[in-house]
Amino acid sequence: MARQPRLTVAAYPHHVIQRGNDRQAIVRDDADRERLRGLLTEHAGIFKVAVHAYVIMDNHLHVLATPETGEGLPKFMQAVGRSYVRYFNLRHQRTGTLWEGRYRSNLIESERYLLACMVYIDLNPVRAGMVAQPVDFKWSSHRHCIGQVSDKLVTPHALFWGLGNTPFAREAAYAELVKTGLAQSEKDQLTRGALSGWALGSPGFVGQLQQSTARRLVPGKAGRPFKKTTGQSVPD
């Protein structure tokens, strides 16, 4: 079966996952992490992609971003991926691929999933047992969102601004969201969505979005289509 084209629509947030080939490390030390974050920052500006949240794990990368154009996100990820692999191979005296094929991504409904996706991304290092609290992890957007550091890579989404009327109020409200965490069902939805490429949102949102693209946005029904034969009626 032919692989569906990746779904990318301007002005909508997308959750992106890029894994290392065979789950191998994509960073070996803080110098690698700094270079990767620098490339994300540089190319986000070039391709007009607003990054709302990110985390650089040992063997994969999460990004939550809204592209200004339909081509912005693929070009952004391609430019970052190629530039980083050249740097990584040269620095570590290796050859060959680093990434597990093309990146995975899906489009999400902002009102239902954007803040949840930010929390999901920030809690990755905690789920992996790397730190006890997300604030202890330097290589994510979390510390920026709670006001501890200023990260040039991060562009807050309008829904984040809506958490409070002052920076302190917004940061405190977001910190509380992270402290509360997510239900397992939400984690599963966000993971499956990004890995499958299906749009994540309410039926109304998906239906409206479907009008702007010919690509199927949700999985089809299991099994083969019913084939009508002579003398056989089609079931209701």
Protein backbone atom coordinates (compact mmCIF):
# COMPACT_ATOMS: atom_id res chain seq x y z
CA MET A 1 0.00 0.00 0.00
CA ALA A 2 1.36 3.42 -0.95
CA ARG A 3 2.31 5.68 1.93
CA GLN A 4 0.07 8.70 2.34
CA PRO A 5 1.66 12.10 1.88
CA ARG A 6 2.49 13.84 5.14
CA LEU A 7 -0.21 16.26 6.23
CA THR A 8 1.02 19.83 6.65
CA VAL A 9 -1.34 22.81 6.72
CA ALA A 10 -0.31 26.42 7.27
CA ALA A 11 -1.39 28.16 10.48
CA TYR A 12 -2.20 24.91 12.36
CA PRO A 13 -0.04 23.40 15.11
CA HIS A 14 1.78 20.15 14.33
CA HIS A 15 3.33 17.66 16.73
CA VAL A 16 6.58 16.32 15.30
CA ILE A 17 8.68 13.33 16.39
CA GLN A 18 12.10 12.59 14.86
CA ARG A 19 13.81 9.41 16.08
CA GLY A 20 17.33 8.14 15.82
CA ASN A 21 17.90 5.23 13.47
CA ASP A 22 17.48 1.93 15.35
CA ARG A 23 16.79 4.05 18.46
CA GLN A 24 20.45 5.08 18.53
CA ALA A 25 21.50 8.29 20.25
CA ILE A 26 21.05 11.51 18.29
CA VAL A 27 23.11 13.44 20.87
CA ARG A 28 26.13 12.29 22.86
CA ASP A 29 26.78 15.31 25.05
CA ASP A 30 25.68 18.87 25.75
CA ALA A 31 27.69 20.23 22.82
CA ASP A 32 25.50 18.14 20.48
CA ARG A 33 22.36 19.31 22.23
CA GLU A 34 23.43 22.92 21.96
CA ARG A 35 24.16 22.56 18.25
CA LEU A 36 20.81 20.88 17.58
CA ARG A 37 18.92 23.56 19.49
CA GLY A 38 20.85 26.25 17.65
CA LEU A 39 19.93 24.74 14.28
CA LEU A 40 16.28 24.53 15.30
CA THR A 41 16.35 28.20 16.27
CA GLU A 42 18.12 29.29 13.08
CA HIS A 43 15.90 27.40 10.66
CA ALA A 44 12.66 28.17 12.47
CA GLY A 45 13.34 31.79 11.63
CA ILE A 46 14.33 31.09 8.04
CA PHE A 47 11.26 28.99 7.24
CA LYS A 48 8.80 30.97 9.39
CA VAL A 49 7.92 28.16 11.79
CA ALA A 50 6.77 29.13 15.29
CA VAL A 51 8.02 26.55 17.80
CA HIS A 52 5.76 26.43 20.87
CA ALA A 53 7.43 23.53 22.69
CA TYR A 54 10.32 21.11 22.17
CA VAL A 55 12.45 18.53 23.94
CA ILE A 56 15.77 17.04 22.89
CA MET A 57 15.93 13.51 24.29
CA ASP A 58 18.91 11.17 23.94
CA ASN A 59 17.50 9.26 20.95
CA HIS A 60 14.62 11.37 19.69
CA LEU A 61 13.26 14.88 19.36
CA HIS A 62 9.77 16.35 19.88
CA VAL A 63 8.66 19.68 18.41
CA LEU A 64 5.27 21.38 18.61
CA ALA A 65 5.15 24.05 15.91
CA THR A 66 2.91 26.13 13.69
CA PRO A 67 4.21 26.83 10.16
CA GLU A 68 3.31 30.06 8.43
CA THR A 69 3.23 28.30 5.04
CA GLY A 70 2.34 24.83 3.84
CA GLU A 71 5.94 24.11 2.91
CA GLY A 72 7.50 25.65 5.99
CA LEU A 73 7.50 22.66 8.33
CA PRO A 74 8.92 20.06 5.88
CA LYS A 75 11.66 22.49 4.76
CA PHE A 76 12.44 23.36 8.37
CA MET A 77 12.79 19.72 9.44
CA GLN A 78 14.77 18.80 6.32
CA ALA A 79 17.22 21.69 6.78
CA VAL A 80 17.74 20.94 10.48
CA GLY A 81 18.11 17.20 9.83
CA ARG A 82 20.69 17.56 7.07
CA SER A 83 22.75 20.23 8.79
CA TYR A 84 22.82 18.34 12.07
CA VAL A 85 23.82 15.02 10.50
CA ARG A 86 26.76 16.69 8.73
CA TYR A 87 27.88 18.20 12.03
CA PHE A 88 27.31 14.98 14.03
CA ASN A 89 29.14 12.71 11.58
CA LEU A 90 32.11 15.05 11.30
CA ARG A 91 32.41 15.60 15.04
CA HIS A 92 32.06 11.94 15.97
CA GLN A 93 33.99 10.57 12.97
CA ARG A 94 31.15 8.45 11.66
CA THR A 95 29.29 8.02 8.37
CA GLY A 96 25.80 7.06 7.30
CA THR A 97 22.32 7.90 8.41
CA LEU A 98 21.36 9.16 11.84
CA TRP A 99 17.59 9.48 11.55
CA GLU A 100 14.94 6.76 11.44
CA GLY A 101 13.64 7.71 8.00
CA ARG A 102 11.44 10.75 7.64
CA TYR A 103 10.05 12.51 10.67
CA ARG A 104 6.58 11.66 11.98
CA SER A 105 4.00 14.36 12.54
CA ASN A 106 0.33 15.13 12.85
CA LEU A 107 -1.87 18.18 12.95
CA ILE A 108 -3.71 18.86 16.20
CA GLU A 109 -6.75 20.88 17.20
CA SER A 110 -5.43 23.79 19.25
CA GLU A 111 -8.31 24.24 21.68
CA ARG A 112 -8.38 20.57 22.71
CA TYR A 113 -4.78 19.42 22.46
CA LEU A 114 -2.20 22.21 22.21
CA LEU A 115 -1.61 22.81 25.91
CA ALA A 116 -1.84 19.06 26.57
CA CYS A 117 0.80 18.47 23.90
CA MET A 118 3.08 21.05 25.52
CA VAL A 119 2.72 19.27 28.86
CA TYR A 120 3.31 15.90 27.17
CA ILE A 121 6.54 17.19 25.62
CA ASP A 122 7.78 18.79 28.85
CA LEU A 123 7.17 15.58 30.82
CA ASN A 124 9.15 13.36 28.41
CA PRO A 125 12.37 13.47 30.46
CA VAL A 126 10.42 12.62 33.63
CA ARG A 127 8.70 9.64 32.00
CA ALA A 128 12.10 8.45 30.75
CA GLY A 129 13.55 8.59 34.28
CA MET A 130 16.16 11.20 33.32
CA VAL A 131 15.04 13.78 35.91
CA ALA A 132 12.60 13.94 38.82
CA GLN A 133 11.00 17.21 37.65
CA PRO A 134 10.82 18.79 34.18
CA VAL A 135 12.45 21.96 35.53
CA ASP A 136 15.61 19.90 36.10
CA PHE A 137 15.99 19.21 32.38
CA LYS A 138 17.85 21.91 30.47
CA TRP A 139 17.05 20.79 26.91
CA SER A 140 13.37 21.54 26.58
CA SER A 141 11.03 24.52 26.41
CA HIS A 142 9.74 23.98 29.96
CA ARG A 143 12.01 26.41 31.81
CA HIS A 144 11.18 29.14 29.28
CA CYS A 145 7.45 28.57 29.73
CA ILE A 146 7.67 28.89 33.52
CA GLY A 147 9.84 32.02 33.33
CA GLN A 148 13.19 30.64 34.50
CA VAL A 149 15.13 31.27 31.27
CA SER A 150 14.68 33.07 27.97
CA ASP A 151 14.83 30.68 25.01
CA LYS A 152 15.00 32.24 21.55
CA LEU A 153 13.63 29.07 19.98
CA VAL A 154 10.25 29.32 21.71
CA THR A 155 7.32 31.35 20.35
CA PRO A 156 4.33 31.15 22.73
CA HIS A 157 1.00 30.18 21.18
CA ALA A 158 -2.06 32.40 21.70
CA LEU A 159 -3.54 29.77 24.02
CA PHE A 160 -0.49 30.04 26.25
CA TRP A 161 -0.91 33.82 26.38
CA GLY A 162 -4.52 33.19 27.37
CA LEU A 163 -3.46 31.45 30.59
CA GLY A 164 -3.06 34.81 32.38
CA ASN A 165 -2.94 38.56 32.05
CA THR A 166 0.66 38.89 33.23
CA PRO A 167 3.82 36.87 32.57
CA PHE A 168 3.82 35.67 36.20
CA ALA A 169 0.19 34.52 35.98
CA ARG A 170 0.77 32.68 32.71
CA GLU A 171 3.91 30.99 33.97
CA ALA A 172 2.26 29.94 37.22
CA ALA A 173 -0.81 28.60 35.42
CA TYR A 174 1.31 26.60 33.00
CA ALA A 175 3.48 25.22 35.81
CA GLU A 176 0.29 23.99 37.47
CA LEU A 177 -0.81 22.27 34.26
CA VAL A 178 2.51 20.42 34.11
CA LYS A 179 2.28 19.52 37.80
CA THR A 180 -1.21 18.08 37.24
CA GLY A 181 0.05 16.04 34.30
CA LEU A 182 -1.97 14.06 31.75
CA ALA A 183 -4.22 11.05 31.85
CA GLN A 184 -2.79 7.94 30.21
CA SER A 185 -5.45 8.18 27.51
CA GLU A 186 -4.23 11.65 26.56
CA LYS A 187 -0.63 10.47 26.41
CA ASP A 188 -1.65 7.56 24.19
CA GLN A 189 -3.66 9.81 21.86
CA LEU A 190 -0.77 12.24 21.42
CA THR A 191 1.76 9.47 20.81
CA ARG A 192 -0.42 7.54 18.36
CA GLY A 193 -1.41 10.71 16.55
CA ALA A 194 2.13 11.83 15.83
CA LEU A 195 3.35 8.36 14.85
CA SER A 196 0.35 7.62 12.61
CA GLY A 197 0.04 11.03 10.95
CA TRP A 198 -3.74 11.23 11.47
CA ALA A 199 -5.24 14.57 12.48
CA LEU A 200 -6.10 14.79 16.18
CA GLY A 201 -9.24 16.68 17.10
CA SER A 202 -13.02 16.65 17.40
CA PRO A 203 -15.17 15.31 14.53
CA GLY A 204 -16.20 18.87 13.72
CA PHE A 205 -12.61 20.05 13.54
CA VAL A 206 -11.54 17.13 11.35
CA GLY A 207 -14.56 17.59 9.08
CA GLN A 208 -13.82 21.27 8.59
CA LEU A 209 -10.15 20.57 7.97
CA GLN A 210 -10.99 17.87 5.43
CA GLN A 211 -12.50 20.53 3.19
CA SER A 212 -9.05 22.06 2.68
CA THR A 213 -7.19 18.89 1.67
CA ALA A 214 -7.72 15.80 -0.46
CA ARG A 215 -5.62 13.71 1.92
CA ARG A 216 -7.58 11.41 4.24
CA LEU A 217 -7.33 12.72 7.80
CA VAL A 218 -8.56 9.76 9.86
CA PRO A 219 -8.14 5.97 9.49
CA GLY A 220 -10.57 4.17 7.21
CA LYS A 221 -12.74 1.30 8.39
CA ALA A 222 -10.99 -2.02 8.79
CA GLY A 223 -11.48 -4.68 6.14
CA ARG A 224 -12.01 -4.58 2.41
CA PRO A 225 -14.74 -2.43 0.87
CA PHE A 226 -18.00 -4.31 0.33
CA LYS A 227 -18.32 -5.45 -3.27
CA LYS A 228 -21.80 -5.79 -4.65
CA THR A 229 -22.51 -8.90 -6.77
CA THR A 230 -25.46 -9.79 -8.99
CA GLY A 231 -28.60 -10.42 -7.03
CA GLN A 232 -27.04 -9.19 -3.78
CA SER A 233 -28.22 -6.12 -1.97
CA VAL A 234 -25.94 -3.63 -0.31
CA PRO A 235 -26.31 -3.69 3.50
CA ASP A 236 -27.67 -0.58 5.21
